[in-house]
Amino acid sequence: EVSEEVHFGLKTTEAPHYRRVSMEQERESADEASDDESDR
């Protein structure tokens, strides 16, 4: 959520599953916007 709001870049170290979490968050946002279950 912070990464979507700020002007600086954000990355994690020794937590590569942050990429999974971000992808899941974006999927939820895409689903809410499109209400299209076929994207899962």
PDB file of all heavy atoms in Angstrom:
ATOM      1  N   GLU A   1       0.834  -1.202   0.000  1.00  0.00           N
ATOM      2  CA  GLU A   1       0.000   0.000   0.000  1.00  0.00           C
ATOM      3  C   GLU A   1       0.871   1.255   0.000  1.00  0.00           C
ATOM      4  O   GLU A   1       0.586   2.219  -0.733  1.00  0.00           O
ATOM      5  CB  GLU A   1      -0.915  -0.002   1.219  1.00  0.00           C
ATOM      6  CG  GLU A   1      -1.969  -1.110   1.209  1.00  0.00           C
ATOM      7  CD  GLU A   1      -2.759  -1.158   2.504  1.00  0.00           C
ATOM      8  OE1 GLU A   1      -2.516  -0.284   3.379  1.00  0.00           O
ATOM      9  OE2 GLU A   1      -3.612  -2.041   2.651  1.00  0.00           O
ATOM     10  N   VAL A   2       1.928   1.240   0.812  1.00  0.00           N
ATOM     11  CA  VAL A   2       2.846   2.380   0.839  1.00  0.00           C
ATOM     12  C   VAL A   2       3.461   2.608  -0.538  1.00  0.00           C
ATOM     13  O   VAL A   2       3.553   3.747  -1.017  1.00  0.00           O
ATOM     14  CB  VAL A   2       3.957   2.149   1.884  1.00  0.00           C
ATOM     15  CG1 VAL A   2       5.064   3.199   1.746  1.00  0.00           C
ATOM     16  CG2 VAL A   2       3.385   2.176   3.301  1.00  0.00           C
ATOM     17  N   SER A   3       3.869   1.527  -1.192  1.00  0.00           N
ATOM     18  CA  SER A   3       4.522   1.653  -2.499  1.00  0.00           C
ATOM     19  C   SER A   3       3.618   2.301  -3.537  1.00  0.00           C
ATOM     20  O   SER A   3       4.102   2.916  -4.499  1.00  0.00           O
ATOM     21  CB  SER A   3       4.979   0.271  -2.994  1.00  0.00           C
ATOM     22  OG  SER A   3       3.874  -0.511  -3.434  1.00  0.00           O
ATOM     23  N   GLU A   4       2.298   2.179  -3.340  1.00  0.00           N
ATOM     24  CA  GLU A   4       1.342   2.765  -4.274  1.00  0.00           C
ATOM     25  C   GLU A   4       1.117   4.251  -4.001  1.00  0.00           C
ATOM     26  O   GLU A   4       0.544   4.952  -4.841  1.00  0.00           O
ATOM     27  CB  GLU A   4       0.001   2.033  -4.166  1.00  0.00           C
ATOM     28  CG  GLU A   4       0.062   0.549  -4.506  1.00  0.00           C
ATOM     29  CD  GLU A   4       0.197   0.304  -5.999  1.00  0.00           C
ATOM     30  OE1 GLU A   4      -0.779   0.573  -6.713  1.00  0.00           O
ATOM     31  OE2 GLU A   4       1.282  -0.127  -6.441  1.00  0.00           O
ATOM     32  N   GLU A   5       1.571   4.721  -2.849  1.00  0.00           N
ATOM     33  CA  GLU A   5       1.254   6.083  -2.424  1.00  0.00           C
ATOM     34  C   GLU A   5       2.433   7.044  -2.502  1.00  0.00           C
ATOM     35  O   GLU A   5       2.230   8.263  -2.595  1.00  0.00           O
ATOM     36  CB  GLU A   5       0.761   6.068  -0.967  1.00  0.00           C
ATOM     37  CG  GLU A   5      -0.486   5.221  -0.738  1.00  0.00           C
ATOM     38  CD  GLU A   5      -0.756   5.005   0.748  1.00  0.00           C
ATOM     39  OE1 GLU A   5       0.127   5.380   1.561  1.00  0.00           O
ATOM     40  OE2 GLU A   5      -1.817   4.462   1.082  1.00  0.00           O
ATOM     41  N   VAL A   6       3.668   6.531  -2.444  1.00  0.00           N
ATOM     42  CA  VAL A   6       4.827   7.401  -2.270  1.00  0.00           C
ATOM     43  C   VAL A   6       5.580   7.588  -3.580  1.00  0.00           C
ATOM     44  O   VAL A   6       5.340   6.892  -4.570  1.00  0.00           O
ATOM     45  CB  VAL A   6       5.786   6.815  -1.200  1.00  0.00           C
ATOM     46  CG1 VAL A   6       5.098   6.759   0.151  1.00  0.00           C
ATOM     47  CG2 VAL A   6       6.277   5.428  -1.610  1.00  0.00           C
ATOM     48  N   HIS A   7       6.503   8.526  -3.555  1.00  0.00           N
ATOM     49  CA  HIS A   7       7.292   8.831  -4.747  1.00  0.00           C
ATOM     50  C   HIS A   7       8.616   8.081  -4.765  1.00  0.00           C
ATOM     51  O   HIS A   7       9.264   8.002  -5.809  1.00  0.00           O
ATOM     52  CB  HIS A   7       7.551  10.340  -4.829  1.00  0.00           C
ATOM     53  CG  HIS A   7       6.313  11.162  -4.963  1.00  0.00           C
ATOM     54  ND1 HIS A   7       5.491  11.113  -6.079  1.00  0.00           N
ATOM     55  CD2 HIS A   7       5.736  12.040  -4.114  1.00  0.00           C
ATOM     56  CE1 HIS A   7       4.477  11.938  -5.919  1.00  0.00           C
ATOM     57  NE2 HIS A   7       4.592  12.518  -4.724  1.00  0.00           N
ATOM     58  N   PHE A   8       9.052   7.547  -3.618  1.00  0.00           N
ATOM     59  CA  PHE A   8      10.303   6.789  -3.598  1.00  0.00           C
ATOM     60  C   PHE A   8      10.035   5.321  -3.938  1.00  0.00           C
ATOM     61  O   PHE A   8       8.913   4.826  -3.802  1.00  0.00           O
ATOM     62  CB  PHE A   8      11.002   6.913  -2.244  1.00  0.00           C
ATOM     63  CG  PHE A   8      10.144   6.555  -1.052  1.00  0.00           C
ATOM     64  CD1 PHE A   8       9.942   5.233  -0.684  1.00  0.00           C
ATOM     65  CD2 PHE A   8       9.571   7.550  -0.272  1.00  0.00           C
ATOM     66  CE1 PHE A   8       9.183   4.901   0.428  1.00  0.00           C
ATOM     67  CE2 PHE A   8       8.798   7.241   0.831  1.00  0.00           C
ATOM     68  CZ  PHE A   8       8.597   5.908   1.182  1.00  0.00           C
ATOM     69  N   GLY A   9      11.078   4.625  -4.369  1.00  0.00           N
ATOM     70  CA  GLY A   9      10.967   3.201  -4.616  1.00  0.00           C
ATOM     71  C   GLY A   9      10.969   2.426  -3.311  1.00  0.00           C
ATOM     72  O   GLY A   9      11.425   2.926  -2.278  1.00  0.00           O
ATOM     73  N   LEU A  10      10.479   1.206  -3.344  1.00  0.00           N
ATOM     74  CA  LEU A  10      10.433   0.368  -2.148  1.00  0.00           C
ATOM     75  C   LEU A  10      10.772  -1.060  -2.539  1.00  0.00           C
ATOM     76  O   LEU A  10      10.238  -1.593  -3.509  1.00  0.00           O
ATOM     77  CB  LEU A  10       9.049   0.434  -1.504  1.00  0.00           C
ATOM     78  CG  LEU A  10       8.895  -0.162  -0.106  1.00  0.00           C
ATOM     79  CD1 LEU A  10       7.757   0.528   0.650  1.00  0.00           C
ATOM     80  CD2 LEU A  10       8.616  -1.669  -0.159  1.00  0.00           C
ATOM     81  N   LYS A  11      11.686  -1.655  -1.786  1.00  0.00           N
ATOM     82  CA  LYS A  11      12.037  -3.046  -2.025  1.00  0.00           C
ATOM     83  C   LYS A  11      12.275  -3.729  -0.684  1.00  0.00           C
ATOM     84  O   LYS A  11      12.503  -3.066   0.335  1.00  0.00           O
ATOM     85  CB  LYS A  11      13.280  -3.174  -2.907  1.00  0.00           C
ATOM     86  CG  LYS A  11      14.581  -2.698  -2.282  1.00  0.00           C
ATOM     87  CD  LYS A  11      15.721  -2.815  -3.269  1.00  0.00           C
ATOM     88  CE  LYS A  11      17.066  -2.401  -2.654  1.00  0.00           C
ATOM     89  NZ  LYS A  11      17.551  -3.403  -1.695  1.00  0.00           N
ATOM     90  N   THR A  12      12.201  -5.034  -0.701  1.00  0.00           N
ATOM     91  CA  THR A  12      12.500  -5.795   0.503  1.00  0.00           C
ATOM     92  C   THR A  12      13.803  -6.554   0.319  1.00  0.00           C
ATOM     93  O   THR A  12      14.201  -6.882  -0.802  1.00  0.00           O
ATOM     94  CB  THR A  12      11.375  -6.785   0.841  1.00  0.00           C
ATOM     95  OG1 THR A  12      11.184  -7.679  -0.267  1.00  0.00           O
ATOM     96  CG2 THR A  12      10.080  -6.052   1.157  1.00  0.00           C
ATOM     97  N   THR A  13      14.447  -6.844   1.434  1.00  0.00           N
ATOM     98  CA  THR A  13      15.657  -7.668   1.456  1.00  0.00           C
ATOM     99  C   THR A  13      15.401  -8.885   2.336  1.00  0.00           C
ATOM    100  O   THR A  13      14.847  -8.753   3.430  1.00  0.00           O
ATOM    101  CB  THR A  13      16.850  -6.862   2.008  1.00  0.00           C
ATOM    102  OG1 THR A  13      17.063  -5.717   1.178  1.00  0.00           O
ATOM    103  CG2 THR A  13      18.123  -7.706   2.022  1.00  0.00           C
ATOM    104  N   GLU A  14      15.779 -10.054   1.841  1.00  0.00           N
ATOM    105  CA  GLU A  14      15.548 -11.332   2.523  1.00  0.00           C
ATOM    106  C   GLU A  14      14.052 -11.541   2.809  1.00  0.00           C
ATOM    107  O   GLU A  14      13.675 -12.138   3.808  1.00  0.00           O
ATOM    108  CB  GLU A  14      16.375 -11.429   3.809  1.00  0.00           C
ATOM    109  CG  GLU A  14      17.880 -11.424   3.584  1.00  0.00           C
ATOM    110  CD  GLU A  14      18.389 -12.603   2.757  1.00  0.00           C
ATOM    111  OE1 GLU A  14      17.596 -13.532   2.472  1.00  0.00           O
ATOM    112  OE2 GLU A  14      19.587 -12.611   2.393  1.00  0.00           O
ATOM    113  N   ALA A  15      13.227 -11.069   1.904  1.00  0.00           N
ATOM    114  CA  ALA A  15      11.779 -11.307   1.968  1.00  0.00           C
ATOM    115  C   ALA A  15      11.224 -11.322   0.554  1.00  0.00           C
ATOM    116  O   ALA A  15      10.388 -10.482   0.202  1.00  0.00           O
ATOM    117  CB  ALA A  15      11.095 -10.249   2.814  1.00  0.00           C
ATOM    118  N   PRO A  16      11.677 -12.264  -0.264  1.00  0.00           N
ATOM    119  CA  PRO A  16      11.213 -12.268  -1.661  1.00  0.00           C
ATOM    120  C   PRO A  16       9.731 -12.534  -1.802  1.00  0.00           C
ATOM    121  O   PRO A  16       9.144 -12.253  -2.856  1.00  0.00           O
ATOM    122  CB  PRO A  16      12.046 -13.378  -2.311  1.00  0.00           C
ATOM    123  CG  PRO A  16      12.465 -14.266  -1.185  1.00  0.00           C
ATOM    124  CD  PRO A  16      12.642 -13.350  -0.008  1.00  0.00           C
ATOM    125  N   HIS A  17       9.084 -13.063  -0.733  1.00  0.00           N
ATOM    126  CA  HIS A  17       7.643 -13.294  -0.863  1.00  0.00           C
ATOM    127  C   HIS A  17       6.854 -11.988  -0.840  1.00  0.00           C
ATOM    128  O   HIS A  17       5.637 -12.008  -1.051  1.00  0.00           O
ATOM    129  CB  HIS A  17       7.123 -14.267   0.197  1.00  0.00           C
ATOM    130  CG  HIS A  17       7.705 -14.142   1.556  1.00  0.00           C
ATOM    131  ND1 HIS A  17       9.050 -14.237   1.834  1.00  0.00           N
ATOM    132  CD2 HIS A  17       7.114 -13.945   2.756  1.00  0.00           C
ATOM    133  CE1 HIS A  17       9.258 -14.109   3.126  1.00  0.00           C
ATOM    134  NE2 HIS A  17       8.095 -13.918   3.709  1.00  0.00           N
ATOM    135  N   TYR A  18       7.524 -10.865  -0.637  1.00  0.00           N
ATOM    136  CA  TYR A  18       6.853  -9.577  -0.846  1.00  0.00           C
ATOM    137  C   TYR A  18       6.340  -9.476  -2.275  1.00  0.00           C
ATOM    138  O   TYR A  18       5.286  -8.881  -2.534  1.00  0.00           O
ATOM    139  CB  TYR A  18       7.824  -8.434  -0.534  1.00  0.00           C
ATOM    140  CG  TYR A  18       7.298  -7.062  -0.893  1.00  0.00           C
ATOM    141  CD1 TYR A  18       6.196  -6.518  -0.232  1.00  0.00           C
ATOM    142  CD2 TYR A  18       7.896  -6.305  -1.893  1.00  0.00           C
ATOM    143  CE1 TYR A  18       5.702  -5.262  -0.562  1.00  0.00           C
ATOM    144  CE2 TYR A  18       7.419  -5.043  -2.225  1.00  0.00           C
ATOM    145  CZ  TYR A  18       6.326  -4.531  -1.565  1.00  0.00           C
ATOM    146  OH  TYR A  18       5.846  -3.287  -1.896  1.00  0.00           O
ATOM    147  N   ARG A  19       7.055 -10.089  -3.220  1.00  0.00           N
ATOM    148  CA  ARG A  19       6.606 -10.053  -4.608  1.00  0.00           C
ATOM    149  C   ARG A  19       5.290 -10.818  -4.770  1.00  0.00           C
ATOM    150  O   ARG A  19       4.402 -10.399  -5.511  1.00  0.00           O
ATOM    151  CB  ARG A  19       7.700 -10.607  -5.515  1.00  0.00           C
ATOM    152  CG  ARG A  19       8.968  -9.755  -5.507  1.00  0.00           C
ATOM    153  CD  ARG A  19       9.941 -10.162  -6.586  1.00  0.00           C
ATOM    154  NE  ARG A  19      10.652 -11.395  -6.290  1.00  0.00           N
ATOM    155  CZ  ARG A  19      11.770 -11.465  -5.597  1.00  0.00           C
ATOM    156  NH1 ARG A  19      12.300 -10.363  -5.076  1.00  0.00           N
ATOM    157  NH2 ARG A  19      12.379 -12.618  -5.397  1.00  0.00           N
ATOM    158  N   ARG A  20       5.174 -11.949  -4.083  1.00  0.00           N
ATOM    159  CA  ARG A  20       3.898 -12.693  -4.126  1.00  0.00           C
ATOM    160  C   ARG A  20       2.778 -11.861  -3.521  1.00  0.00           C
ATOM    161  O   ARG A  20       1.684 -11.763  -4.093  1.00  0.00           O
ATOM    162  CB  ARG A  20       4.021 -14.019  -3.368  1.00  0.00           C
ATOM    163  CG  ARG A  20       2.662 -14.694  -3.142  1.00  0.00           C
ATOM    164  CD  ARG A  20       2.770 -15.907  -2.248  1.00  0.00           C
ATOM    165  NE  ARG A  20       3.304 -15.636  -0.921  1.00  0.00           N
ATOM    166  CZ  ARG A  20       2.603 -15.103   0.078  1.00  0.00           C
ATOM    167  NH1 ARG A  20       1.337 -14.739  -0.100  1.00  0.00           N
ATOM    168  NH2 ARG A  20       3.167 -14.923   1.262  1.00  0.00           N
ATOM    169  N   VAL A  21       3.032 -11.264  -2.363  1.00  0.00           N
ATOM    170  CA  VAL A  21       2.012 -10.463  -1.693  1.00  0.00           C
ATOM    171  C   VAL A  21       1.562  -9.323  -2.594  1.00  0.00           C
ATOM    172  O   VAL A  21       0.352  -9.063  -2.740  1.00  0.00           O
ATOM    173  CB  VAL A  21       2.549  -9.919  -0.352  1.00  0.00           C
ATOM    174  CG1 VAL A  21       1.577  -8.908   0.242  1.00  0.00           C
ATOM    175  CG2 VAL A  21       2.788 -11.068   0.631  1.00  0.00           C
ATOM    176  N   SER A  22       2.505  -8.634  -3.241  1.00  0.00           N
ATOM    177  CA  SER A  22       2.152  -7.527  -4.119  1.00  0.00           C
ATOM    178  C   SER A  22       1.324  -8.010  -5.304  1.00  0.00           C
ATOM    179  O   SER A  22       0.342  -7.360  -5.701  1.00  0.00           O
ATOM    180  CB  SER A  22       3.418  -6.824  -4.628  1.00  0.00           C
ATOM    181  OG  SER A  22       4.072  -6.140  -3.575  1.00  0.00           O
ATOM    182  N   MET A  23       1.700  -9.148  -5.853  1.00  0.00           N
ATOM    183  CA  MET A  23       0.943  -9.693  -6.982  1.00  0.00           C
ATOM    184  C   MET A  23      -0.474 -10.053  -6.564  1.00  0.00           C
ATOM    185  O   MET A  23      -1.444  -9.813  -7.290  1.00  0.00           O
ATOM    186  CB  MET A  23       1.672 -10.892  -7.565  1.00  0.00           C
ATOM    187  CG  MET A  23       2.989 -10.532  -8.232  1.00  0.00           C
ATOM    188  SD  MET A  23       3.975 -11.966  -8.689  1.00  0.00           S
ATOM    189  CE  MET A  23       2.985 -12.623 -10.020  1.00  0.00           C
ATOM    190  N   GLU A  24      -0.615 -10.628  -5.370  1.00  0.00           N
ATOM    191  CA  GLU A  24      -1.946 -10.980  -4.887  1.00  0.00           C
ATOM    192  C   GLU A  24      -2.783  -9.736  -4.630  1.00  0.00           C
ATOM    193  O   GLU A  24      -3.991  -9.712  -4.916  1.00  0.00           O
ATOM    194  CB  GLU A  24      -1.828 -11.817  -3.614  1.00  0.00           C
ATOM    195  CG  GLU A  24      -1.286 -13.221  -3.858  1.00  0.00           C
ATOM    196  CD  GLU A  24      -1.119 -14.017  -2.579  1.00  0.00           C
ATOM    197  OE1 GLU A  24      -0.966 -13.389  -1.512  1.00  0.00           O
ATOM    198  OE2 GLU A  24      -1.142 -15.252  -2.649  1.00  0.00           O
ATOM    199  N   GLN A  25      -2.153  -8.693  -4.084  1.00  0.00           N
ATOM    200  CA  GLN A  25      -2.866  -7.444  -3.848  1.00  0.00           C
ATOM    201  C   GLN A  25      -3.339  -6.830  -5.162  1.00  0.00           C
ATOM    202  O   GLN A  25      -4.466  -6.331  -5.262  1.00  0.00           O
ATOM    203  CB  GLN A  25      -1.966  -6.451  -3.109  1.00  0.00           C
ATOM    204  CG  GLN A  25      -1.590  -6.859  -1.700  1.00  0.00           C
ATOM    205  CD  GLN A  25      -2.760  -6.811  -0.745  1.00  0.00           C
ATOM    206  OE1 GLN A  25      -3.423  -7.811  -0.498  1.00  0.00           O
ATOM    207  NE2 GLN A  25      -3.037  -5.636  -0.212  1.00  0.00           N
ATOM    208  N   GLU A  26      -2.486  -6.881  -6.174  1.00  0.00           N
ATOM    209  CA  GLU A  26      -2.858  -6.323  -7.466  1.00  0.00           C
ATOM    210  C   GLU A  26      -3.943  -7.165  -8.131  1.00  0.00           C
ATOM    211  O   GLU A  26      -4.811  -6.636  -8.830  1.00  0.00           O
ATOM    212  CB  GLU A  26      -1.622  -6.209  -8.357  1.00  0.00           C
ATOM    213  CG  GLU A  26      -0.663  -5.135  -7.871  1.00  0.00           C
ATOM    214  CD  GLU A  26       0.574  -5.020  -8.728  1.00  0.00           C
ATOM    215  OE1 GLU A  26       0.622  -5.688  -9.789  1.00  0.00           O
ATOM    216  OE2 GLU A  26       1.491  -4.281  -8.336  1.00  0.00           O
ATOM    217  N   ARG A  27      -3.894  -8.475  -7.917  1.00  0.00           N
ATOM    218  CA  ARG A  27      -4.939  -9.330  -8.472  1.00  0.00           C
ATOM    219  C   ARG A  27      -6.291  -8.983  -7.841  1.00  0.00           C
ATOM    220  O   ARG A  27      -7.309  -8.907  -8.533  1.00  0.00           O
ATOM    221  CB  ARG A  27      -4.621 -10.806  -8.227  1.00  0.00           C
ATOM    222  CG  ARG A  27      -5.770 -11.739  -8.638  1.00  0.00           C
ATOM    223  CD  ARG A  27      -5.341 -13.193  -8.685  1.00  0.00           C
ATOM    224  NE  ARG A  27      -4.784 -13.659  -7.433  1.00  0.00           N
ATOM    225  CZ  ARG A  27      -4.182 -14.838  -7.288  1.00  0.00           C
ATOM    226  NH1 ARG A  27      -4.056 -15.646  -8.349  1.00  0.00           N
ATOM    227  NH2 ARG A  27      -3.715 -15.219  -6.119  1.00  0.00           N
ATOM    228  N   GLU A  28      -6.292  -8.780  -6.525  1.00  0.00           N
ATOM    229  CA  GLU A  28      -7.533  -8.425  -5.855  1.00  0.00           C
ATOM    230  C   GLU A  28      -8.070  -7.097  -6.388  1.00  0.00           C
ATOM    231  O   GLU A  28      -9.283  -6.948  -6.611  1.00  0.00           O
ATOM    232  CB  GLU A  28      -7.316  -8.336  -4.343  1.00  0.00           C
ATOM    233  CG  GLU A  28      -7.053  -9.678  -3.683  1.00  0.00           C
ATOM    234  CD  GLU A  28      -6.812  -9.540  -2.189  1.00  0.00           C
ATOM    235  OE1 GLU A  28      -6.998  -8.408  -1.670  1.00  0.00           O
ATOM    236  OE2 GLU A  28      -6.453 -10.541  -1.550  1.00  0.00           O
ATOM    237  N   SER A  29      -7.177  -6.151  -6.605  1.00  0.00           N
ATOM    238  CA  SER A  29      -7.608  -4.862  -7.137  1.00  0.00           C
ATOM    239  C   SER A  29      -8.164  -5.008  -8.537  1.00  0.00           C
ATOM    240  O   SER A  29      -9.173  -4.401  -8.901  1.00  0.00           O
ATOM    241  CB  SER A  29      -6.431  -3.870  -7.144  1.00  0.00           C
ATOM    242  OG  SER A  29      -5.982  -3.611  -5.839  1.00  0.00           O
ATOM    243  N   ALA A  30      -7.497  -5.845  -9.357  1.00  0.00           N
ATOM    244  CA  ALA A  30      -7.972  -6.064 -10.717  1.00  0.00           C
ATOM    245  C   ALA A  30      -9.326  -6.755 -10.715  1.00  0.00           C
ATOM    246  O   ALA A  30     -10.213  -6.431 -11.510  1.00  0.00           O
ATOM    247  CB  ALA A  30      -6.951  -6.889 -11.500  1.00  0.00           C
ATOM    248  N   ASP A  31      -9.515  -7.710  -9.803  1.00  0.00           N
ATOM    249  CA  ASP A  31     -10.796  -8.415  -9.719  1.00  0.00           C
ATOM    250  C   ASP A  31     -11.911  -7.467  -9.299  1.00  0.00           C
ATOM    251  O   ASP A  31     -13.028  -7.534  -9.813  1.00  0.00           O
ATOM    252  CB  ASP A  31     -10.697  -9.573  -8.718  1.00  0.00           C
ATOM    253  CG  ASP A  31      -9.887 -10.744  -9.265  1.00  0.00           C
ATOM    254  OD1 ASP A  31      -9.638 -10.758 -10.486  1.00  0.00           O
ATOM    255  OD2 ASP A  31      -9.496 -11.608  -8.466  1.00  0.00           O
ATOM    256  N   GLU A  32     -11.605  -6.594  -8.337  1.00  0.00           N
ATOM    257  CA  GLU A  32     -12.623  -5.658  -7.883  1.00  0.00           C
ATOM    258  C   GLU A  32     -13.006  -4.689  -8.996  1.00  0.00           C
ATOM    259  O   GLU A  32     -14.169  -4.288  -9.124  1.00  0.00           O
ATOM    260  CB  GLU A  32     -12.113  -4.882  -6.670  1.00  0.00           C
ATOM    261  CG  GLU A  32     -11.975  -5.739  -5.418  1.00  0.00           C
ATOM    262  CD  GLU A  32     -11.325  -4.996  -4.279  1.00  0.00           C
ATOM    263  OE1 GLU A  32     -10.993  -3.794  -4.478  1.00  0.00           O
ATOM    264  OE2 GLU A  32     -11.142  -5.589  -3.199  1.00  0.00           O
ATOM    265  N   ALA A  33     -12.020  -4.306  -9.799  1.00  0.00           N
ATOM    266  CA  ALA A  33     -12.292  -3.347 -10.867  1.00  0.00           C
ATOM    267  C   ALA A  33     -13.071  -3.978 -12.016  1.00  0.00           C
ATOM    268  O   ALA A  33     -13.934  -3.346 -12.623  1.00  0.00           O
ATOM    269  CB  ALA A  33     -10.983  -2.763 -11.386  1.00  0.00           C
ATOM    270  N   SER A  34     -12.764  -5.231 -12.316  1.00  0.00           N
ATOM    271  CA  SER A  34     -13.372  -5.871 -13.483  1.00  0.00           C
ATOM    272  C   SER A  34     -14.473  -6.863 -13.147  1.00  0.00           C
ATOM    273  O   SER A  34     -15.291  -7.205 -14.003  1.00  0.00           O
ATOM    274  CB  SER A  34     -12.294  -6.591 -14.284  1.00  0.00           C
ATOM    275  OG  SER A  34     -11.759  -7.664 -13.530  1.00  0.00           O
ATOM    276  N   ASP A  35     -14.477  -7.333 -11.881  1.00  0.00           N
ATOM    277  CA  ASP A  35     -15.425  -8.370 -11.467  1.00  0.00           C
ATOM    278  C   ASP A  35     -15.382  -9.546 -12.422  1.00  0.00           C
ATOM    279  O   ASP A  35     -16.408 -10.139 -12.773  1.00  0.00           O
ATOM    280  CB  ASP A  35     -16.845  -7.806 -11.382  1.00  0.00           C
ATOM    281  CG  ASP A  35     -17.769  -8.716 -10.577  1.00  0.00           C
ATOM    282  OD1 ASP A  35     -17.256  -9.454  -9.694  1.00  0.00           O
ATOM    283  OD2 ASP A  35     -18.985  -8.708 -10.828  1.00  0.00           O
ATOM    284  N   ASP A  36     -14.172  -9.872 -12.879  1.00  0.00           N
ATOM    285  CA  ASP A  36     -13.990 -10.916 -13.876  1.00  0.00           C
ATOM    286  C   ASP A  36     -13.207 -12.059 -13.258  1.00  0.00           C
ATOM    287  O   ASP A  36     -11.998 -12.007 -13.131  1.00  0.00           O
ATOM    288  CB  ASP A  36     -13.235 -10.363 -15.084  1.00  0.00           C
ATOM    289  CG  ASP A  36     -13.059 -11.393 -16.186  1.00  0.00           C
ATOM    290  OD1 ASP A  36     -13.590 -12.515 -16.034  1.00  0.00           O
ATOM    291  OD2 ASP A  36     -12.384 -11.079 -17.182  1.00  0.00           O
ATOM    292  N   GLU A  37     -13.899 -13.124 -12.859  1.00  0.00           N
ATOM    293  CA  GLU A  37     -13.245 -14.250 -12.202  1.00  0.00           C
ATOM    294  C   GLU A  37     -12.338 -15.021 -13.146  1.00  0.00           C
ATOM    295  O   GLU A  37     -11.496 -15.802 -12.724  1.00  0.00           O
ATOM    296  CB  GLU A  37     -14.296 -15.200 -11.621  1.00  0.00           C
ATOM    297  CG  GLU A  37     -15.064 -14.621 -10.454  1.00  0.00           C
ATOM    298  CD  GLU A  37     -14.146 -14.320  -9.285  1.00  0.00           C
ATOM    299  OE1 GLU A  37     -13.283 -15.162  -8.970  1.00  0.00           O
ATOM    300  OE2 GLU A  37     -14.278 -13.233  -8.690  1.00  0.00           O
ATOM    301  N   SER A  38     -12.471 -14.808 -14.453  1.00  0.00           N
ATOM    302  CA  SER A  38     -11.636 -15.563 -15.393  1.00  0.00           C
ATOM    303  C   SER A  38     -10.180 -15.167 -15.311  1.00  0.00           C
ATOM    304  O   SER A  38      -9.311 -15.848 -15.851  1.00  0.00           O
ATOM    305  CB  SER A  38     -12.122 -15.332 -16.834  1.00  0.00           C
ATOM    306  OG  SER A  38     -11.949 -13.969 -17.211  1.00  0.00           O
ATOM    307  N   ASP A  39      -9.879 -14.073 -14.613  1.00  0.00           N
ATOM    308  CA  ASP A  39      -8.491 -13.621 -14.503  1.00  0.00           C
ATOM    309  C   ASP A  39      -7.711 -14.399 -13.462  1.00  0.00           C
ATOM    310  O   ASP A  39      -6.510 -14.254 -13.330  1.00  0.00           O
ATOM    311  CB  ASP A  39      -8.465 -12.134 -14.148  1.00  0.00           C
ATOM    312  CG  ASP A  39      -7.079 -11.537 -14.313  1.00  0.00           C
ATOM    313  OD1 ASP A  39      -6.431 -11.826 -15.331  1.00  0.00           O
ATOM    314  OD2 ASP A  39      -6.657 -10.787 -13.426  1.00  0.00           O
ATOM    315  N   ARG A  40      -8.396 -15.257 -12.694  1.00  0.00           N
ATOM    316  CA  ARG A  40      -7.710 -16.013 -11.656  1.00  0.00           C
ATOM    317  C   ARG A  40      -6.994 -17.216 -12.258  1.00  0.00           C
ATOM    318  O   ARG A  40      -7.480 -17.862 -13.170  1.00  0.00           O
ATOM    319  CB  ARG A  40      -8.700 -16.488 -10.590  1.00  0.00           C
ATOM    320  CG  ARG A  40      -9.303 -15.339  -9.799  1.00  0.00           C
ATOM    321  CD  ARG A  40     -10.140 -15.870  -8.666  1.00  0.00           C
ATOM    322  NE  ARG A  40     -10.734 -14.788  -7.923  1.00  0.00           N
ATOM    323  CZ  ARG A  40     -10.134 -14.136  -6.936  1.00  0.00           C
ATOM    324  NH1 ARG A  40      -8.910 -14.464  -6.604  1.00  0.00           N
ATOM    325  NH2 ARG A  40     -10.733 -13.166  -6.288  1.00  0.00           N
TER     326      ARG A  40
END
